[in-house]
Amino acid sequence: MELSLKPEQAEFVAPNSETLAEAYVATLNGDAQFRPFAIYSDDAMVGFIIYGKWREDDDYHLWALMIGAEHQGRGDSGEAH
């Protein structure tokens, strides 16, 4: 819950508590089967994903992907090493 986005990203993504609650309620009601997973870099939690499927759908979906602002932009530059 403590991970936050960059201010300019806030209008595009619901708060973490709301996203997790919606996935939990959909699963609890039997409408879906969603599972949250934390994303770690070494021992630090840097984000989370929620994936699963709706009851009437056989396909799996990525419900949410969130990387905390302080952990964004740390990917590989694409250069050969």
N, C-alpha and C. Protein backbone atom coordinates (compact mmCIF):
# COMPACT_ATOMS: atom_id res chain seq x y z
N MET A 1 0.81 -1.20 0.00
CA MET A 1 0.00 0.00 0.00
C MET A 1 0.86 1.26 0.00
N GLU A 2 2.07 1.14 0.50
CA GLU A 2 2.91 2.32 0.64
C GLU A 2 3.59 2.73 -0.66
N LEU A 3 3.60 1.88 -1.67
CA LEU A 3 4.19 2.26 -2.95
C LEU A 3 3.33 3.33 -3.59
N SER A 4 3.98 4.31 -4.19
CA SER A 4 3.23 5.39 -4.83
C SER A 4 3.73 5.58 -6.26
N LEU A 5 2.92 6.27 -7.03
CA LEU A 5 3.25 6.58 -8.42
C LEU A 5 3.85 7.98 -8.51
N LYS A 6 4.38 8.28 -9.67
CA LYS A 6 4.79 9.65 -9.94
C LYS A 6 3.51 10.48 -10.05
N PRO A 7 3.54 11.74 -9.62
CA PRO A 7 2.32 12.56 -9.63
C PRO A 7 1.62 12.59 -10.99
N GLU A 8 2.37 12.62 -12.05
CA GLU A 8 1.76 12.69 -13.39
C GLU A 8 1.11 11.37 -13.81
N GLN A 9 1.33 10.29 -13.08
CA GLN A 9 0.73 8.99 -13.39
C GLN A 9 -0.56 8.74 -12.61
N ALA A 10 -0.81 9.50 -11.57
CA ALA A 10 -1.91 9.24 -10.64
C ALA A 10 -3.28 9.21 -11.33
N GLU A 11 -3.48 10.01 -12.36
CA GLU A 11 -4.80 10.05 -13.01
C GLU A 11 -5.08 8.80 -13.86
N PHE A 12 -4.07 7.99 -14.11
CA PHE A 12 -4.25 6.82 -14.97
C PHE A 12 -4.47 5.52 -14.20
N VAL A 13 -4.18 5.51 -12.91
CA VAL A 13 -4.21 4.28 -12.13
C VAL A 13 -4.98 4.51 -10.83
N ALA A 14 -5.83 3.55 -10.45
CA ALA A 14 -6.55 3.63 -9.18
C ALA A 14 -5.56 3.42 -8.03
N PRO A 15 -5.89 3.90 -6.84
CA PRO A 15 -5.03 3.65 -5.68
C PRO A 15 -4.86 2.14 -5.44
N ASN A 16 -3.71 1.77 -4.89
CA ASN A 16 -3.42 0.35 -4.65
C ASN A 16 -4.50 -0.33 -3.81
N SER A 17 -4.95 0.34 -2.77
CA SER A 17 -5.98 -0.25 -1.90
C SER A 17 -7.26 -0.54 -2.67
N GLU A 18 -7.64 0.35 -3.56
CA GLU A 18 -8.85 0.16 -4.37
C GLU A 18 -8.68 -1.00 -5.35
N THR A 19 -7.54 -1.07 -6.00
CA THR A 19 -7.28 -2.14 -6.96
C THR A 19 -7.29 -3.51 -6.28
N LEU A 20 -6.61 -3.62 -5.15
CA LEU A 20 -6.58 -4.88 -4.41
C LEU A 20 -7.97 -5.25 -3.89
N ALA A 21 -8.72 -4.28 -3.40
CA ALA A 21 -10.06 -4.54 -2.88
C ALA A 21 -11.00 -5.01 -4.00
N GLU A 22 -10.94 -4.39 -5.17
CA GLU A 22 -11.80 -4.80 -6.29
C GLU A 22 -11.50 -6.23 -6.71
N ALA A 23 -10.24 -6.58 -6.79
CA ALA A 23 -9.86 -7.95 -7.17
C ALA A 23 -10.32 -8.94 -6.11
N TYR A 24 -10.18 -8.58 -4.84
CA TYR A 24 -10.59 -9.45 -3.74
C TYR A 24 -12.11 -9.67 -3.77
N VAL A 25 -12.87 -8.60 -3.92
CA VAL A 25 -14.33 -8.71 -3.92
C VAL A 25 -14.81 -9.52 -5.12
N ALA A 26 -14.23 -9.30 -6.30
CA ALA A 26 -14.62 -10.07 -7.48
C ALA A 26 -14.36 -11.56 -7.27
N THR A 27 -13.26 -11.88 -6.62
CA THR A 27 -12.93 -13.28 -6.33
C THR A 27 -13.86 -13.84 -5.24
N LEU A 28 -14.08 -13.07 -4.20
CA LEU A 28 -14.95 -13.49 -3.10
C LEU A 28 -16.37 -13.76 -3.58
N ASN A 29 -16.86 -12.92 -4.49
CA ASN A 29 -18.22 -13.08 -5.03
C ASN A 29 -18.34 -14.22 -6.04
N GLY A 30 -17.23 -14.79 -6.45
CA GLY A 30 -17.26 -15.87 -7.43
C GLY A 30 -17.31 -15.39 -8.87
N ASP A 31 -17.15 -14.07 -9.08
CA ASP A 31 -17.17 -13.52 -10.43
C ASP A 31 -15.85 -13.73 -11.16
N ALA A 32 -14.79 -13.93 -10.39
CA ALA A 32 -13.46 -14.03 -10.97
C ALA A 32 -12.55 -14.83 -10.04
N GLN A 33 -11.39 -15.15 -10.56
CA GLN A 33 -10.33 -15.76 -9.77
C GLN A 33 -9.06 -14.94 -10.00
N PHE A 34 -8.85 -13.94 -9.17
CA PHE A 34 -7.68 -13.07 -9.31
C PHE A 34 -6.70 -13.35 -8.18
N ARG A 35 -5.41 -13.25 -8.50
CA ARG A 35 -4.35 -13.49 -7.51
C ARG A 35 -3.33 -12.35 -7.56
N PRO A 36 -3.06 -11.75 -6.41
CA PRO A 36 -2.03 -10.72 -6.36
C PRO A 36 -0.66 -11.34 -6.03
N PHE A 37 0.37 -10.76 -6.60
CA PHE A 37 1.75 -11.17 -6.32
C PHE A 37 2.61 -9.93 -6.17
N ALA A 38 3.49 -9.96 -5.19
CA ALA A 38 4.44 -8.87 -4.99
C ALA A 38 5.61 -9.04 -5.95
N ILE A 39 6.19 -7.93 -6.35
CA ILE A 39 7.39 -7.92 -7.19
C ILE A 39 8.53 -7.37 -6.33
N TYR A 40 9.58 -8.16 -6.22
CA TYR A 40 10.73 -7.78 -5.39
C TYR A 40 11.99 -7.59 -6.22
N SER A 41 12.82 -6.68 -5.78
CA SER A 41 14.18 -6.53 -6.27
C SER A 41 15.06 -6.73 -5.04
N ASP A 42 15.78 -7.83 -5.03
CA ASP A 42 16.49 -8.26 -3.83
C ASP A 42 15.47 -8.39 -2.69
N ASP A 43 15.65 -7.64 -1.60
CA ASP A 43 14.74 -7.75 -0.47
C ASP A 43 13.70 -6.63 -0.43
N ALA A 44 13.67 -5.78 -1.41
CA ALA A 44 12.74 -4.64 -1.41
C ALA A 44 11.56 -4.90 -2.33
N MET A 45 10.34 -4.69 -1.79
CA MET A 45 9.16 -4.79 -2.63
C MET A 45 9.11 -3.54 -3.51
N VAL A 46 9.04 -3.75 -4.83
CA VAL A 46 9.06 -2.62 -5.76
C VAL A 46 7.74 -2.46 -6.50
N GLY A 47 6.84 -3.44 -6.40
CA GLY A 47 5.57 -3.34 -7.09
C GLY A 47 4.73 -4.58 -6.88
N PHE A 48 3.65 -4.69 -7.66
CA PHE A 48 2.82 -5.87 -7.60
C PHE A 48 2.08 -6.07 -8.90
N ILE A 49 1.61 -7.29 -9.10
CA ILE A 49 0.73 -7.61 -10.22
C ILE A 49 -0.48 -8.34 -9.66
N ILE A 50 -1.57 -8.25 -10.40
CA ILE A 50 -2.75 -9.07 -10.13
C ILE A 50 -3.14 -9.68 -11.46
N TYR A 51 -3.25 -11.01 -11.49
CA TYR A 51 -3.67 -11.68 -12.71
C TYR A 51 -4.76 -12.68 -12.37
N GLY A 52 -5.47 -13.11 -13.38
CA GLY A 52 -6.51 -14.10 -13.17
C GLY A 52 -7.47 -14.14 -14.32
N LYS A 53 -8.65 -14.69 -14.05
CA LYS A 53 -9.65 -14.79 -15.11
C LYS A 53 -11.04 -14.58 -14.55
N TRP A 54 -11.92 -14.09 -15.40
CA TRP A 54 -13.32 -13.95 -15.07
C TRP A 54 -13.98 -15.31 -15.15
N ARG A 55 -15.02 -15.53 -14.39
CA ARG A 55 -15.69 -16.83 -14.30
C ARG A 55 -16.12 -17.34 -15.67
N GLU A 56 -16.65 -16.49 -16.52
CA GLU A 56 -17.17 -16.93 -17.82
C GLU A 56 -16.11 -16.94 -18.92
N ASP A 57 -14.86 -16.69 -18.57
CA ASP A 57 -13.80 -16.56 -19.56
C ASP A 57 -12.68 -17.55 -19.24
N ASP A 58 -12.19 -18.26 -20.25
CA ASP A 58 -11.09 -19.20 -20.05
C ASP A 58 -9.72 -18.54 -20.16
N ASP A 59 -9.68 -17.31 -20.63
CA ASP A 59 -8.42 -16.61 -20.81
C ASP A 59 -7.99 -15.91 -19.53
N TYR A 60 -6.69 -15.91 -19.27
CA TYR A 60 -6.14 -15.19 -18.13
C TYR A 60 -5.84 -13.75 -18.53
N HIS A 61 -5.97 -12.85 -17.58
CA HIS A 61 -5.79 -11.42 -17.83
C HIS A 61 -4.88 -10.82 -16.78
N LEU A 62 -4.14 -9.82 -17.18
CA LEU A 62 -3.36 -9.02 -16.24
C LEU A 62 -4.29 -7.92 -15.75
N TRP A 63 -4.74 -8.02 -14.51
CA TRP A 63 -5.68 -7.06 -13.94
C TRP A 63 -4.96 -5.76 -13.57
N ALA A 64 -3.76 -5.88 -13.01
CA ALA A 64 -3.03 -4.70 -12.59
C ALA A 64 -1.53 -4.97 -12.59
N LEU A 65 -0.78 -3.93 -12.89
CA LEU A 65 0.67 -3.94 -12.79
C LEU A 65 1.07 -2.59 -12.24
N MET A 66 1.76 -2.60 -11.12
CA MET A 66 2.16 -1.34 -10.48
C MET A 66 3.61 -1.44 -10.04
N ILE A 67 4.42 -0.48 -10.46
CA ILE A 67 5.81 -0.36 -10.02
C ILE A 67 5.92 1.00 -9.32
N GLY A 68 6.41 1.00 -8.09
CA GLY A 68 6.54 2.23 -7.33
C GLY A 68 7.42 3.26 -8.04
N ALA A 69 7.10 4.53 -7.86
CA ALA A 69 7.80 5.62 -8.54
C ALA A 69 9.31 5.55 -8.35
N GLU A 70 9.74 5.26 -7.13
CA GLU A 70 11.18 5.26 -6.84
C GLU A 70 11.90 4.07 -7.48
N HIS A 71 11.16 3.12 -8.03
CA HIS A 71 11.76 1.94 -8.64
C HIS A 71 11.59 1.90 -10.16
N GLN A 72 10.94 2.89 -10.72
CA GLN A 72 10.72 2.93 -12.17
C GLN A 72 11.97 3.39 -12.90
N GLY A 73 12.11 2.97 -14.14
CA GLY A 73 13.20 3.43 -14.98
C GLY A 73 14.53 2.76 -14.69
N ARG A 74 14.52 1.62 -14.05
CA ARG A 74 15.76 0.93 -13.72
C ARG A 74 16.04 -0.26 -14.63
N GLY A 75 15.29 -0.35 -15.72
CA GLY A 75 15.46 -1.50 -16.62
C GLY A 75 16.74 -1.42 -17.42
N ASP A 76 17.02 -2.49 -18.11
CA ASP A 76 18.19 -2.61 -18.97
C ASP A 76 18.07 -1.60 -20.12
N SER A 77 19.14 -0.97 -20.47
CA SER A 77 19.12 0.02 -21.56
C SER A 77 19.03 -0.63 -22.93
N GLY A 78 19.14 -1.94 -22.99
CA GLY A 78 19.05 -2.64 -24.26
C GLY A 78 20.41 -2.81 -24.92
N GLU A 79 21.46 -2.26 -24.34
CA GLU A 79 22.79 -2.38 -24.90
C GLU A 79 23.36 -3.76 -24.60
N ALA A 80 24.15 -4.27 -25.50
CA ALA A 80 24.80 -5.56 -25.29
C ALA A 80 25.85 -5.41 -24.21
N HIS A 81 26.00 -6.43 -23.39
CA HIS A 81 27.00 -6.39 -22.30
C HIS A 81 28.08 -7.39 -22.55
